[in-house]
Amino acid sequence: MRAHMMDGDLIANTIEVESLDVFTSLVDADLYGGGPGDSIIDGVLVPKPAPPATPYAELSVAYLNEVRLIRERILARINGYLLRLINNEPPAYAEEKALCETLIAGLLDITTIPSVLAATTMPELEYAVKVEYARLVGLASENLVLAFRQVDV
């Protein structure tokens, strides 16, 4: 049978036993339910408090680090495209170079734009980043849109 080992009112552990007489601090786990960390007070199970939610600041740091990693992949693709342009010197080089510079600047700023800094919840932060990526993709030429493929933020 399952038994709770009690430490005062606190369930310290749940174990399998043949009988509740093995230790004086055992109570029938099937009768009360619950588990380690819960309490039994006056015969009533009192669940342990829920763990605190992960603070937004901690979540946002991890998310923005992932955004930076994705940004670096996109920047590498844009820089690779820019190098191919320089080597081939097509007639539209100046326009494409300017567009690359605009996209690079936007990507470098993506974690510090006002809408990202103003976010106070994860959904707001994710939305702000997605909107900025969509804005940048909207500026990109057909060739540069490929740099943004497989971006999932």
N, C-alpha and C. Protein backbone atom coordinates (compact mmCIF):
# COMPACT_ATOMS: atom_id res chain seq x y z
N MET A 1 0.83 -1.18 0.00
CA MET A 1 0.00 0.00 0.00
C MET A 1 0.88 1.25 0.00
N ARG A 2 0.33 2.33 -0.52
CA ARG A 2 1.07 3.60 -0.53
C ARG A 2 0.84 4.32 0.79
N ALA A 3 1.91 4.88 1.31
CA ALA A 3 1.81 5.60 2.58
C ALA A 3 2.62 6.88 2.50
N HIS A 4 2.10 7.90 3.14
CA HIS A 4 2.83 9.16 3.25
C HIS A 4 3.62 9.14 4.56
N MET A 5 4.88 9.52 4.47
CA MET A 5 5.68 9.74 5.68
C MET A 5 5.48 11.20 6.05
N MET A 6 4.99 11.43 7.24
CA MET A 6 4.66 12.78 7.67
C MET A 6 5.79 13.36 8.53
N ASP A 7 6.00 14.67 8.35
CA ASP A 7 6.90 15.45 9.20
C ASP A 7 6.04 16.57 9.75
N GLY A 8 5.40 16.28 10.87
CA GLY A 8 4.38 17.21 11.38
C GLY A 8 3.17 17.11 10.45
N ASP A 9 2.75 18.25 9.90
CA ASP A 9 1.61 18.27 8.96
C ASP A 9 2.07 18.08 7.52
N LEU A 10 3.36 18.10 7.27
CA LEU A 10 3.91 18.06 5.92
C LEU A 10 4.17 16.63 5.44
N ILE A 11 3.75 16.32 4.22
CA ILE A 11 4.06 15.03 3.62
C ILE A 11 5.51 15.10 3.15
N ALA A 12 6.37 14.35 3.79
CA ALA A 12 7.80 14.38 3.49
C ALA A 12 8.15 13.45 2.33
N ASN A 13 7.42 12.32 2.23
CA ASN A 13 7.71 11.34 1.20
C ASN A 13 6.52 10.42 1.07
N THR A 14 6.43 9.73 -0.07
CA THR A 14 5.40 8.72 -0.27
C THR A 14 6.13 7.42 -0.61
N ILE A 15 5.80 6.37 0.12
CA ILE A 15 6.50 5.09 -0.04
C ILE A 15 5.49 3.95 -0.13
N GLU A 16 5.98 2.79 -0.54
CA GLU A 16 5.19 1.56 -0.54
C GLU A 16 5.52 0.79 0.74
N VAL A 17 4.48 0.37 1.45
CA VAL A 17 4.67 -0.41 2.69
C VAL A 17 3.66 -1.54 2.75
N GLU A 18 3.96 -2.52 3.58
CA GLU A 18 3.02 -3.63 3.81
C GLU A 18 1.91 -3.18 4.78
N SER A 19 2.30 -2.30 5.72
CA SER A 19 1.37 -1.89 6.77
C SER A 19 1.73 -0.49 7.23
N LEU A 20 0.75 0.25 7.70
CA LEU A 20 1.00 1.60 8.24
C LEU A 20 1.70 1.54 9.59
N ASP A 21 1.82 0.36 10.15
CA ASP A 21 2.45 0.19 11.46
C ASP A 21 3.97 0.18 11.37
N VAL A 22 4.55 0.20 10.16
CA VAL A 22 6.00 0.13 9.99
C VAL A 22 6.68 1.33 10.66
N PHE A 23 6.10 2.52 10.49
CA PHE A 23 6.61 3.74 11.12
C PHE A 23 5.43 4.45 11.78
N THR A 24 5.72 5.19 12.82
CA THR A 24 4.63 5.91 13.50
C THR A 24 4.16 7.12 12.72
N SER A 25 4.98 7.59 11.77
CA SER A 25 4.62 8.81 11.06
C SER A 25 3.89 8.54 9.73
N LEU A 26 3.40 7.31 9.51
CA LEU A 26 2.75 6.98 8.25
C LEU A 26 1.25 7.21 8.29
N VAL A 27 0.72 7.69 7.15
CA VAL A 27 -0.73 7.78 6.97
C VAL A 27 -1.04 7.19 5.60
N ASP A 28 -2.27 6.76 5.41
CA ASP A 28 -2.71 6.12 4.17
C ASP A 28 -2.73 7.14 3.02
N ALA A 29 -1.86 6.97 2.04
CA ALA A 29 -1.77 7.90 0.91
C ALA A 29 -3.02 7.84 0.04
N ASP A 30 -3.61 6.65 -0.08
CA ASP A 30 -4.80 6.52 -0.92
C ASP A 30 -6.00 7.20 -0.27
N LEU A 31 -6.02 7.28 1.02
CA LEU A 31 -7.11 7.94 1.72
C LEU A 31 -7.05 9.46 1.56
N TYR A 32 -5.84 10.02 1.66
CA TYR A 32 -5.68 11.47 1.62
C TYR A 32 -5.32 12.01 0.23
N GLY A 33 -4.65 11.21 -0.58
CA GLY A 33 -4.16 11.73 -1.86
C GLY A 33 -2.95 12.62 -1.63
N GLY A 34 -2.61 13.37 -2.63
CA GLY A 34 -1.50 14.30 -2.50
C GLY A 34 -0.16 13.61 -2.61
N GLY A 35 0.88 14.37 -2.29
CA GLY A 35 2.23 13.85 -2.39
C GLY A 35 3.20 14.73 -1.64
N PRO A 36 4.49 14.42 -1.75
CA PRO A 36 5.51 15.19 -1.03
C PRO A 36 5.36 16.70 -1.27
N GLY A 37 5.44 17.43 -0.18
CA GLY A 37 5.29 18.88 -0.26
C GLY A 37 3.90 19.35 0.12
N ASP A 38 2.90 18.47 -0.03
CA ASP A 38 1.55 18.80 0.41
C ASP A 38 1.47 18.65 1.92
N SER A 39 0.39 19.12 2.51
CA SER A 39 0.19 18.99 3.95
C SER A 39 -1.15 18.33 4.22
N ILE A 40 -1.25 17.72 5.37
CA ILE A 40 -2.53 17.20 5.85
C ILE A 40 -2.78 17.88 7.18
N ILE A 41 -3.77 18.77 7.20
CA ILE A 41 -4.06 19.55 8.39
C ILE A 41 -5.48 19.23 8.84
N ASP A 42 -5.61 18.75 10.05
CA ASP A 42 -6.90 18.35 10.60
C ASP A 42 -7.65 17.41 9.66
N GLY A 43 -6.89 16.47 9.07
CA GLY A 43 -7.49 15.47 8.21
C GLY A 43 -7.83 15.94 6.80
N VAL A 44 -7.43 17.16 6.45
CA VAL A 44 -7.73 17.72 5.13
C VAL A 44 -6.42 17.94 4.38
N LEU A 45 -6.40 17.48 3.11
CA LEU A 45 -5.22 17.67 2.27
C LEU A 45 -5.13 19.13 1.84
N VAL A 46 -3.97 19.72 2.07
CA VAL A 46 -3.70 21.10 1.64
C VAL A 46 -2.55 21.02 0.63
N PRO A 47 -2.86 21.23 -0.67
CA PRO A 47 -1.80 21.13 -1.69
C PRO A 47 -0.71 22.16 -1.48
N LYS A 48 0.50 21.76 -1.88
CA LYS A 48 1.62 22.69 -1.80
C LYS A 48 1.35 23.85 -2.76
N PRO A 49 1.90 25.01 -2.48
CA PRO A 49 1.70 26.15 -3.39
C PRO A 49 2.30 25.86 -4.76
N ALA A 50 1.66 26.38 -5.78
CA ALA A 50 2.19 26.22 -7.14
C ALA A 50 3.53 26.93 -7.23
N PRO A 51 4.44 26.39 -8.03
CA PRO A 51 5.73 27.07 -8.18
C PRO A 51 5.50 28.43 -8.84
N PRO A 52 6.31 29.40 -8.50
CA PRO A 52 6.11 30.72 -9.09
C PRO A 52 6.33 30.66 -10.60
N ALA A 53 5.57 31.46 -11.30
CA ALA A 53 5.72 31.54 -12.76
C ALA A 53 7.10 32.11 -13.08
N THR A 54 7.64 31.68 -14.19
CA THR A 54 8.94 32.22 -14.61
C THR A 54 8.74 33.69 -14.94
N PRO A 55 9.52 34.57 -14.37
CA PRO A 55 9.33 36.01 -14.60
C PRO A 55 9.54 36.37 -16.08
N TYR A 56 8.78 37.36 -16.51
CA TYR A 56 8.86 37.83 -17.90
C TYR A 56 10.29 38.17 -18.28
N ALA A 57 11.01 38.83 -17.40
CA ALA A 57 12.37 39.25 -17.72
C ALA A 57 13.24 38.04 -18.07
N GLU A 58 13.09 36.96 -17.33
CA GLU A 58 13.87 35.75 -17.59
C GLU A 58 13.46 35.11 -18.92
N LEU A 59 12.15 35.05 -19.17
CA LEU A 59 11.66 34.49 -20.43
C LEU A 59 12.10 35.34 -21.62
N SER A 60 12.02 36.65 -21.44
CA SER A 60 12.34 37.54 -22.56
C SER A 60 13.83 37.46 -22.92
N VAL A 61 14.69 37.29 -21.94
CA VAL A 61 16.13 37.19 -22.22
C VAL A 61 16.38 35.95 -23.08
N ALA A 62 15.80 34.83 -22.71
CA ALA A 62 15.99 33.59 -23.48
C ALA A 62 15.43 33.75 -24.89
N TYR A 63 14.26 34.34 -25.00
CA TYR A 63 13.64 34.53 -26.32
C TYR A 63 14.48 35.46 -27.19
N LEU A 64 14.91 36.58 -26.63
CA LEU A 64 15.70 37.52 -27.41
C LEU A 64 17.07 36.94 -27.79
N ASN A 65 17.61 36.07 -26.98
CA ASN A 65 18.85 35.37 -27.37
C ASN A 65 18.60 34.50 -28.59
N GLU A 66 17.44 33.83 -28.63
CA GLU A 66 17.09 33.03 -29.80
C GLU A 66 16.87 33.93 -31.02
N VAL A 67 16.24 35.08 -30.82
CA VAL A 67 16.05 36.04 -31.92
C VAL A 67 17.41 36.48 -32.46
N ARG A 68 18.36 36.70 -31.57
CA ARG A 68 19.71 37.12 -32.01
C ARG A 68 20.40 36.02 -32.83
N LEU A 69 20.21 34.78 -32.42
CA LEU A 69 20.80 33.67 -33.19
C LEU A 69 20.20 33.60 -34.60
N ILE A 70 18.90 33.74 -34.67
CA ILE A 70 18.22 33.73 -35.98
C ILE A 70 18.69 34.93 -36.80
N ARG A 71 18.79 36.07 -36.14
CA ARG A 71 19.27 37.28 -36.82
C ARG A 71 20.65 37.04 -37.42
N GLU A 72 21.53 36.39 -36.69
CA GLU A 72 22.88 36.13 -37.19
C GLU A 72 22.86 35.26 -38.44
N ARG A 73 21.95 34.27 -38.46
CA ARG A 73 21.83 33.43 -39.66
C ARG A 73 21.38 34.25 -40.86
N ILE A 74 20.40 35.12 -40.64
CA ILE A 74 19.90 35.96 -41.73
C ILE A 74 20.98 36.92 -42.19
N LEU A 75 21.68 37.53 -41.25
CA LEU A 75 22.77 38.45 -41.61
C LEU A 75 23.84 37.74 -42.44
N ALA A 76 24.16 36.52 -42.08
CA ALA A 76 25.16 35.76 -42.84
C ALA A 76 24.67 35.54 -44.27
N ARG A 77 23.38 35.25 -44.43
CA ARG A 77 22.83 35.04 -45.77
C ARG A 77 22.86 36.34 -46.58
N ILE A 78 22.49 37.44 -45.94
CA ILE A 78 22.50 38.73 -46.64
C ILE A 78 23.93 39.11 -47.01
N ASN A 79 24.86 38.91 -46.10
CA ASN A 79 26.26 39.23 -46.40
C ASN A 79 26.80 38.34 -47.52
N GLY A 80 26.39 37.08 -47.54
CA GLY A 80 26.79 36.21 -48.64
C GLY A 80 26.24 36.70 -49.97
N TYR A 81 24.99 37.14 -49.97
CA TYR A 81 24.38 37.70 -51.18
C TYR A 81 25.13 38.96 -51.61
N LEU A 82 25.45 39.79 -50.65
CA LEU A 82 26.18 41.03 -50.92
C LEU A 82 27.55 40.73 -51.53
N LEU A 83 28.24 39.73 -51.04
CA LEU A 83 29.54 39.34 -51.61
C LEU A 83 29.39 38.86 -53.05
N ARG A 84 28.33 38.10 -53.32
CA ARG A 84 28.10 37.67 -54.70
C ARG A 84 27.83 38.86 -55.60
N LEU A 85 27.11 39.87 -55.09
CA LEU A 85 26.84 41.08 -55.87
C LEU A 85 28.15 41.80 -56.20
N ILE A 86 28.99 41.93 -55.19
CA ILE A 86 30.26 42.64 -55.39
C ILE A 86 31.10 41.94 -56.45
N ASN A 87 31.15 40.62 -56.39
CA ASN A 87 31.97 39.85 -57.35
C ASN A 87 31.41 39.91 -58.77
N ASN A 88 30.09 39.99 -58.91
CA ASN A 88 29.48 39.98 -60.24
C ASN A 88 29.21 41.37 -60.78
N GLU A 89 29.19 42.36 -59.90
CA GLU A 89 28.93 43.76 -60.24
C GLU A 89 27.79 43.93 -61.25
N PRO A 90 26.59 43.51 -60.90
CA PRO A 90 25.46 43.71 -61.81
C PRO A 90 25.08 45.19 -61.87
N PRO A 91 24.31 45.58 -62.88
CA PRO A 91 23.94 46.99 -63.01
C PRO A 91 23.15 47.53 -61.81
N ALA A 92 22.37 46.69 -61.18
CA ALA A 92 21.55 47.14 -60.05
C ALA A 92 22.28 47.01 -58.72
N TYR A 93 23.60 46.89 -58.76
CA TYR A 93 24.38 46.68 -57.55
C TYR A 93 24.13 47.76 -56.50
N ALA A 94 24.12 49.01 -56.91
CA ALA A 94 23.98 50.11 -55.95
C ALA A 94 22.64 50.01 -55.21
N GLU A 95 21.57 49.72 -55.94
CA GLU A 95 20.25 49.60 -55.31
C GLU A 95 20.21 48.41 -54.36
N GLU A 96 20.71 47.27 -54.81
CA GLU A 96 20.70 46.07 -53.97
C GLU A 96 21.61 46.25 -52.75
N LYS A 97 22.74 46.92 -52.94
CA LYS A 97 23.65 47.17 -51.82
C LYS A 97 22.96 48.05 -50.78
N ALA A 98 22.28 49.09 -51.23
CA ALA A 98 21.56 49.98 -50.31
C ALA A 98 20.46 49.20 -49.58
N LEU A 99 19.77 48.33 -50.30
CA LEU A 99 18.71 47.53 -49.69
C LEU A 99 19.30 46.58 -48.65
N CYS A 100 20.43 45.96 -48.97
CA CYS A 100 21.11 45.08 -48.01
C CYS A 100 21.48 45.86 -46.75
N GLU A 101 22.00 47.06 -46.93
CA GLU A 101 22.39 47.88 -45.77
C GLU A 101 21.19 48.23 -44.91
N THR A 102 20.05 48.52 -45.55
CA THR A 102 18.82 48.82 -44.82
C THR A 102 18.36 47.60 -44.02
N LEU A 103 18.38 46.43 -44.66
CA LEU A 103 17.97 45.20 -43.97
C LEU A 103 18.92 44.86 -42.83
N ILE A 104 20.21 45.02 -43.06
CA ILE A 104 21.19 44.74 -42.01
C ILE A 104 20.97 45.66 -40.81
N ALA A 105 20.75 46.94 -41.07
CA ALA A 105 20.51 47.88 -39.97
C ALA A 105 19.24 47.50 -39.20
N GLY A 106 18.21 47.14 -39.94
CA GLY A 106 16.96 46.74 -39.28
C GLY A 106 17.14 45.49 -38.44
N LEU A 107 17.89 44.54 -38.95
CA LEU A 107 18.14 43.31 -38.19
C LEU A 107 18.98 43.57 -36.95
N LEU A 108 19.98 44.43 -37.08
CA LEU A 108 20.82 44.74 -35.92
C LEU A 108 20.03 45.44 -34.81
N ASP A 109 18.98 46.15 -35.20
CA ASP A 109 18.16 46.88 -34.23
C ASP A 109 16.97 46.08 -33.71
N ILE A 110 16.75 44.87 -34.22
CA ILE A 110 15.49 44.16 -33.96
C ILE A 110 15.20 43.92 -32.48
N THR A 111 16.20 43.81 -31.65
CA THR A 111 15.94 43.57 -30.22
C THR A 111 15.84 44.87 -29.43
N THR A 112 16.05 46.01 -30.09
CA THR A 112 16.02 47.28 -29.36
C THR A 112 15.03 48.29 -29.94
N ILE A 113 14.19 47.85 -30.87
CA ILE A 113 13.21 48.80 -31.42
C ILE A 113 12.17 49.11 -30.34
N PRO A 114 11.51 50.27 -30.43
CA PRO A 114 10.57 50.69 -29.37
C PRO A 114 9.49 49.65 -29.04
N SER A 115 8.92 49.01 -30.05
CA SER A 115 7.84 48.06 -29.77
C SER A 115 8.35 46.83 -28.99
N VAL A 116 9.57 46.42 -29.25
CA VAL A 116 10.16 45.30 -28.50
C VAL A 116 10.46 45.73 -27.07
N LEU A 117 11.03 46.90 -26.92
CA LEU A 117 11.36 47.40 -25.58
C LEU A 117 10.11 47.68 -24.75
N ALA A 118 9.01 48.03 -25.41
CA ALA A 118 7.77 48.36 -24.69
C ALA A 118 6.99 47.12 -24.26
N ALA A 119 7.31 45.96 -24.82
CA ALA A 119 6.57 44.74 -24.49
C ALA A 119 6.72 44.40 -23.01
N THR A 120 5.62 43.96 -22.40
CA THR A 120 5.65 43.58 -20.99
C THR A 120 5.19 42.15 -20.78
N THR A 121 4.79 41.48 -21.87
CA THR A 121 4.42 40.07 -21.79
C THR A 121 5.07 39.35 -22.95
N MET A 122 5.18 38.04 -22.84
CA MET A 122 5.77 37.26 -23.93
C MET A 122 4.96 37.37 -25.22
N PRO A 123 3.62 37.29 -25.19
CA PRO A 123 2.88 37.45 -26.45
C PRO A 123 3.14 38.81 -27.10
N GLU A 124 3.23 39.88 -26.31
CA GLU A 124 3.53 41.20 -26.87
C GLU A 124 4.92 41.22 -27.50
N LEU A 125 5.88 40.64 -26.82
CA LEU A 125 7.25 40.61 -27.31
C LEU A 125 7.35 39.82 -28.61
N GLU A 126 6.76 38.63 -28.62
CA GLU A 126 6.79 37.80 -29.83
C GLU A 126 6.11 38.51 -31.00
N TYR A 127 4.99 39.16 -30.72
CA TYR A 127 4.27 39.88 -31.77
C TYR A 127 5.13 41.03 -32.32
N ALA A 128 5.76 41.78 -31.44
CA ALA A 128 6.59 42.91 -31.87
C ALA A 128 7.74 42.43 -32.76
N VAL A 129 8.37 41.33 -32.41
CA VAL A 129 9.46 40.80 -33.22
C VAL A 129 8.94 40.32 -34.57
N LYS A 130 7.82 39.61 -34.57
CA LYS A 130 7.25 39.10 -35.83
C LYS A 130 6.85 40.24 -36.75
N VAL A 131 6.28 41.29 -36.19
CA VAL A 131 5.88 42.44 -37.01
C VAL A 131 7.12 43.08 -37.64
N GLU A 132 8.19 43.18 -36.89
CA GLU A 132 9.42 43.78 -37.43
C GLU A 132 10.03 42.89 -38.50
N TYR A 133 10.04 41.59 -38.29
CA TYR A 133 10.53 40.68 -39.34
C TYR A 133 9.67 40.82 -40.59
N ALA A 134 8.37 40.88 -40.42
CA ALA A 134 7.47 41.03 -41.58
C ALA A 134 7.75 42.34 -42.31
N ARG A 135 8.01 43.41 -41.56
CA ARG A 135 8.33 44.70 -42.18
C ARG A 135 9.61 44.58 -43.01
N LEU A 136 10.61 43.93 -42.46
CA LEU A 136 11.89 43.77 -43.17
C LEU A 136 11.73 42.90 -44.41
N VAL A 137 10.98 41.83 -44.30
CA VAL A 137 10.73 40.97 -45.46
C VAL A 137 9.99 41.75 -46.54
N GLY A 138 9.08 42.62 -46.12
CA GLY A 138 8.35 43.45 -47.08
C GLY A 138 9.26 44.40 -47.85
N LEU A 139 10.37 44.80 -47.25
CA LEU A 139 11.32 45.68 -47.92
C LEU A 139 12.24 44.92 -48.87
N ALA A 140 12.44 43.64 -48.61
CA ALA A 140 13.44 42.84 -49.32
C ALA A 140 13.06 42.59 -50.77
N SER A 141 14.08 42.55 -51.62
CA SER A 141 13.87 42.18 -53.02
C SER A 141 13.58 40.68 -53.07
N GLU A 142 13.19 40.20 -54.23
CA GLU A 142 12.87 38.79 -54.39
C GLU A 142 14.06 37.91 -53.99
N ASN A 143 15.25 38.31 -54.36
CA ASN A 143 16.45 37.54 -54.01
C ASN A 143 16.73 37.56 -52.50
N LEU A 144 16.47 38.69 -51.87
CA LEU A 144 16.78 38.82 -50.45
C LEU A 144 15.72 38.20 -49.54
N VAL A 145 14.52 38.02 -50.05
CA VAL A 145 13.48 37.37 -49.25
C VAL A 145 13.95 35.98 -48.84
N LEU A 146 14.73 35.34 -49.70
CA LEU A 146 15.23 34.00 -49.39
C LEU A 146 16.10 33.98 -48.14
N ALA A 147 16.73 35.09 -47.83
CA ALA A 147 17.56 35.16 -46.61
C ALA A 147 16.72 34.96 -45.35
N PHE A 148 15.43 35.27 -45.45
CA PHE A 148 14.55 35.19 -44.29
C PHE A 148 13.81 33.86 -44.19
N ARG A 149 14.07 32.94 -45.12
CA ARG A 149 13.33 31.66 -45.08
C ARG A 149 13.70 30.90 -43.81
N GLN A 150 12.78 30.10 -43.39
CA GLN A 150 12.92 29.27 -42.19
C GLN A 150 13.15 30.10 -40.94
N VAL A 151 12.60 31.29 -40.92
CA VAL A 151 12.66 32.12 -39.72
C VAL A 151 11.38 31.87 -38.93
N ASP A 152 11.54 31.34 -37.75
CA ASP A 152 10.38 31.09 -36.90
C ASP A 152 10.67 31.67 -35.53
N VAL A 153 10.15 32.85 -35.29
CA VAL A 153 10.38 33.50 -34.00
C VAL A 153 9.09 33.65 -33.25
